[in-house]
Amino acid sequence: MIFLRYESFRQYIRLYPVNTFLIAACIAMFIVLTATGGTGIFHLIEFGALTNVEGLNQVWRYITALFLHGSWSHLLFNMFALFVFAPPLERIFGHVRFALFYVVSGMFGNLAAVMLAGSGFWVGVGASSAIYGIYGAYLYMTVFQRQMLDQASRTTVYAILAMGLIHSFLVPNIGYWAHIGGLAAGFVFYKILGGKIAR
C-alpha cells in the first residue's frame, strides 16, 4: 500500500520537500487569514480567492485560491489528503515535475469551476482542485499502468474517488466542478508529463 506513511517528520520533509512546502503554505495562509479578520467571503477575496465578480477575476487567482481555505475543517481535510496521497506522486515525478503538475492541475480545475459554475455570485478556495488532480494521476495508473500500484492501492483510489465525488455533489457549497476539472486535468497531465519512478 503506497499510501501508508511510515516516514519520520524529518524523513518526510527530506523526501517530499514540495509537498511539505504546500502543506506549510496552506497552514500559514490560514493563520494569516484568521489573524487579520477571519475567513469571511470578502476577506478571502482580498487575499486571492477565486470569484466571478467583475474586476476581481484575475488569472493569478487560479493559483492563489489553492492556498486559501474557508474553515479549520476544510483546511484539515485537504491537508490530510495532501499528506497521505501526494508523497508517492512526488516520488514518481520528482520534485520539479510534481510542483508543475500540482499547480497546473489546480489551475485547470479552477478554470472548470469558472466556466461551468453558472451565474450568480460565488467564491472558490481550497487545494481540492489540485488534490483531485493527484487522484486523476492515480486513476490513470489504475487504468493504464496497473503495475505502478498494488491491489490495495488501486482499491483505495477507487474508494476515495467514489466517496469524494458523492460528497462533492451531496454537501452544499462544495465546488464540484473544480473537483471534476482537477480530476480530468490530472488524468491527462499525468500522461503528458510521463509518470515514471524518479531515480
Protein backbone atom coordinates (compact mmCIF):
# COMPACT_ATOMS: atom_id res chain seq x y z
CA MET A 1 0.00 0.00 0.00
CA ILE A 2 1.80 3.12 -1.22
CA PHE A 3 -0.48 5.50 0.70
CA LEU A 4 0.63 4.42 4.18
CA ARG A 5 3.12 6.90 5.62
CA TYR A 6 5.97 5.37 7.60
CA GLU A 7 8.42 8.26 7.44
CA SER A 8 9.54 10.28 10.44
CA PHE A 9 8.91 14.01 10.37
CA ARG A 10 12.46 14.74 9.21
CA GLN A 11 12.35 11.99 6.59
CA TYR A 12 9.06 13.32 5.25
CA ILE A 13 10.49 16.82 4.82
CA ARG A 14 13.65 15.48 3.14
CA LEU A 15 11.86 13.08 0.80
CA TYR A 16 8.89 15.29 -0.10
CA PRO A 17 10.03 18.93 0.12
CA VAL A 18 7.49 20.25 -2.39
CA ASN A 19 4.53 18.67 -0.64
CA THR A 20 5.88 19.81 2.72
CA PHE A 21 6.02 23.36 1.36
CA LEU A 22 2.46 23.11 0.00
CA ILE A 23 1.10 21.97 3.36
CA ALA A 24 3.08 24.60 5.25
CA ALA A 25 1.96 27.36 2.88
CA CYS A 26 -1.72 26.45 3.27
CA ILE A 27 -1.44 26.36 7.05
CA ALA A 28 0.48 29.65 7.12
CA MET A 29 -2.11 31.37 4.92
CA PHE A 30 -4.94 30.13 7.13
CA ILE A 31 -3.16 31.53 10.20
CA VAL A 32 -2.70 34.87 8.41
CA LEU A 33 -6.38 34.92 7.43
CA THR A 34 -7.62 34.20 10.94
CA ALA A 35 -5.21 36.73 12.43
CA THR A 36 -6.24 39.54 10.08
CA GLY A 37 -10.01 39.25 10.03
CA GLY A 38 -11.10 35.65 9.65
CA THR A 39 -12.32 33.63 6.70
CA GLY A 40 -15.29 35.67 5.59
CA ILE A 41 -16.05 35.80 1.87
CA PHE A 42 -14.76 39.31 1.24
CA HIS A 43 -11.62 38.74 3.28
CA LEU A 44 -10.92 35.59 1.24
CA ILE A 45 -11.38 37.58 -1.97
CA GLU A 46 -8.97 40.21 -0.66
CA PHE A 47 -6.33 37.51 -0.14
CA GLY A 48 -6.78 35.89 -3.57
CA ALA A 49 -9.89 33.72 -3.63
CA LEU A 50 -11.35 32.80 -6.99
CA THR A 51 -14.56 34.65 -7.81
CA ASN A 52 -16.71 35.70 -10.74
CA VAL A 53 -17.00 39.31 -9.60
CA GLU A 54 -16.14 41.61 -12.50
CA GLY A 55 -12.74 43.18 -11.94
CA LEU A 56 -11.80 40.55 -9.36
CA ASN A 57 -11.39 37.61 -11.73
CA GLN A 58 -7.66 37.96 -12.39
CA VAL A 59 -5.72 34.96 -13.71
CA TRP A 60 -3.39 34.85 -10.71
CA ARG A 61 -6.35 33.90 -8.51
CA TYR A 62 -6.39 30.48 -10.19
CA ILE A 63 -3.19 29.80 -8.21
CA THR A 64 -3.62 31.81 -5.01
CA ALA A 65 -7.02 30.22 -4.33
CA LEU A 66 -5.23 26.86 -3.98
CA PHE A 67 -3.61 28.08 -0.76
CA LEU A 68 -6.71 29.51 0.92
CA HIS A 69 -9.30 27.62 2.99
CA GLY A 70 -12.60 28.69 4.42
CA SER A 71 -12.58 26.83 7.75
CA TRP A 72 -10.47 24.65 10.02
CA SER A 73 -12.31 21.53 8.84
CA HIS A 74 -11.77 22.50 5.19
CA LEU A 75 -8.05 23.00 5.84
CA LEU A 76 -7.57 19.82 7.86
CA PHE A 77 -9.44 17.64 5.37
CA ASN A 78 -7.36 18.89 2.45
CA MET A 79 -4.04 18.81 4.33
CA PHE A 80 -4.69 15.21 5.37
CA ALA A 81 -5.29 14.32 1.71
CA LEU A 82 -2.07 16.07 0.68
CA PHE A 83 -0.08 14.46 3.49
CA VAL A 84 -1.21 10.95 2.56
CA PHE A 85 -1.72 10.92 -1.20
CA ALA A 86 0.78 13.41 -2.62
CA PRO A 87 4.11 11.84 -1.49
CA PRO A 88 4.07 8.81 -3.84
CA LEU A 89 3.38 11.12 -6.77
CA GLU A 90 6.24 13.45 -5.80
CA ARG A 91 8.49 10.39 -5.83
CA ILE A 92 7.16 9.28 -9.23
CA PHE A 93 7.53 12.69 -10.85
CA GLY A 94 10.45 14.15 -8.99
CA HIS A 95 10.20 17.47 -7.17
CA VAL A 96 10.07 19.92 -10.09
CA ARG A 97 7.61 17.97 -12.23
CA PHE A 98 5.40 17.33 -9.22
CA ALA A 99 5.27 21.05 -8.43
CA LEU A 100 4.35 21.78 -12.05
CA PHE A 101 1.74 19.02 -12.07
CA TYR A 102 0.14 20.27 -8.85
CA VAL A 103 -0.15 23.89 -9.97
CA VAL A 104 -1.37 23.12 -13.50
CA SER A 105 -3.95 20.57 -12.31
CA GLY A 106 -5.24 23.01 -9.72
CA MET A 107 -5.42 25.84 -12.25
CA PHE A 108 -7.37 23.75 -14.75
CA GLY A 109 -9.70 22.58 -12.00
CA ASN A 110 -10.36 26.20 -11.06
CA LEU A 111 -10.81 27.09 -14.72
CA ALA A 112 -13.50 24.43 -14.98
CA ALA A 113 -15.22 25.96 -11.95
CA VAL A 114 -15.19 29.40 -13.56
CA MET A 115 -16.50 28.13 -16.89
CA LEU A 116 -19.18 25.77 -15.57
CA ALA A 117 -20.33 27.21 -12.25
CA GLY A 118 -23.09 29.24 -13.87
CA SER A 119 -24.36 32.69 -12.99
CA GLY A 120 -24.69 34.20 -9.56
CA PHE A 121 -22.07 35.41 -7.12
CA TRP A 122 -19.67 32.73 -5.91
CA VAL A 123 -16.26 32.39 -4.29
CA GLY A 124 -13.89 29.43 -4.57
CA VAL A 125 -10.95 28.48 -2.34
CA GLY A 126 -9.09 25.34 -1.40
CA ALA A 127 -6.42 22.91 -2.52
CA SER A 128 -9.00 20.34 -3.57
CA SER A 129 -8.87 21.04 -7.31
CA ALA A 130 -5.15 20.17 -7.24
CA ILE A 131 -5.78 17.24 -4.89
CA TYR A 132 -8.28 15.84 -7.35
CA GLY A 133 -5.57 16.28 -9.96
CA ILE A 134 -3.47 13.92 -7.85
CA TYR A 135 -6.37 11.49 -7.73
CA GLY A 136 -6.61 11.81 -11.52
CA ALA A 137 -2.99 10.71 -11.87
CA TYR A 138 -3.67 7.64 -9.75
CA LEU A 139 -6.80 6.91 -11.76
CA TYR A 140 -4.66 6.91 -14.91
CA MET A 141 -2.32 4.43 -13.24
CA THR A 142 -5.15 2.14 -12.21
CA VAL A 143 -6.43 2.07 -15.79
CA PHE A 144 -3.29 2.10 -17.92
CA GLN A 145 -0.35 1.36 -15.58
CA ARG A 146 -1.68 -1.21 -13.17
CA GLN A 147 1.85 -2.38 -12.38
CA MET A 148 2.53 1.01 -10.74
CA LEU A 149 0.05 0.30 -7.93
CA ASP A 150 -0.61 -2.74 -5.78
CA GLN A 151 -4.15 -4.09 -5.46
CA ALA A 152 -4.79 -2.39 -2.11
CA SER A 153 -3.69 0.97 -3.52
CA ARG A 154 -5.89 0.59 -6.61
CA THR A 155 -8.86 -0.23 -4.40
CA THR A 156 -8.12 2.83 -2.28
CA VAL A 157 -8.08 5.04 -5.39
CA TYR A 158 -11.50 3.79 -6.49
CA ALA A 159 -12.91 4.18 -2.98
CA ILE A 160 -11.58 7.70 -2.41
CA LEU A 161 -12.87 8.83 -5.80
CA ALA A 162 -16.32 7.33 -5.26
CA MET A 163 -16.68 8.80 -1.78
CA GLY A 164 -15.15 12.12 -2.78
CA LEU A 165 -17.36 12.70 -5.79
CA ILE A 166 -20.52 11.64 -3.94
CA HIS A 167 -19.56 14.00 -1.12
CA SER A 168 -18.91 16.79 -3.64
CA PHE A 169 -22.44 16.61 -5.00
CA LEU A 170 -24.34 15.97 -1.77
CA VAL A 171 -22.78 18.58 0.51
CA PRO A 172 -23.77 22.22 -0.15
CA ASN A 173 -21.20 24.88 -1.09
CA ILE A 174 -18.63 22.45 -2.48
CA GLY A 175 -17.09 23.31 -5.85
CA TYR A 176 -17.74 20.01 -7.58
CA TRP A 177 -16.81 21.44 -11.00
CA ALA A 178 -13.37 22.29 -9.61
CA HIS A 179 -13.07 18.71 -8.36
CA ILE A 180 -14.16 17.20 -11.67
CA GLY A 181 -11.97 19.60 -13.64
CA GLY A 182 -8.97 18.86 -11.45
CA LEU A 183 -9.56 15.12 -11.78
CA ALA A 184 -9.70 15.34 -15.58
CA ALA A 185 -6.66 17.63 -15.73
CA GLY A 186 -4.62 15.31 -13.52
CA PHE A 187 -5.59 12.29 -15.59
CA VAL A 188 -4.46 13.96 -18.82
CA PHE A 189 -1.46 15.87 -17.46
CA TYR A 190 -0.02 12.76 -15.83
CA LYS A 191 0.16 11.20 -19.30
CA ILE A 192 1.74 14.35 -20.79
CA LEU A 193 4.43 14.60 -18.13
CA GLY A 194 5.14 10.90 -18.25
CA GLY A 195 4.80 9.11 -14.97
CA LYS A 196 7.92 7.09 -14.25
CA ILE A 197 9.61 6.45 -10.94
CA ALA A 198 12.17 9.20 -10.33
CA ARG A 199 15.65 7.91 -9.53
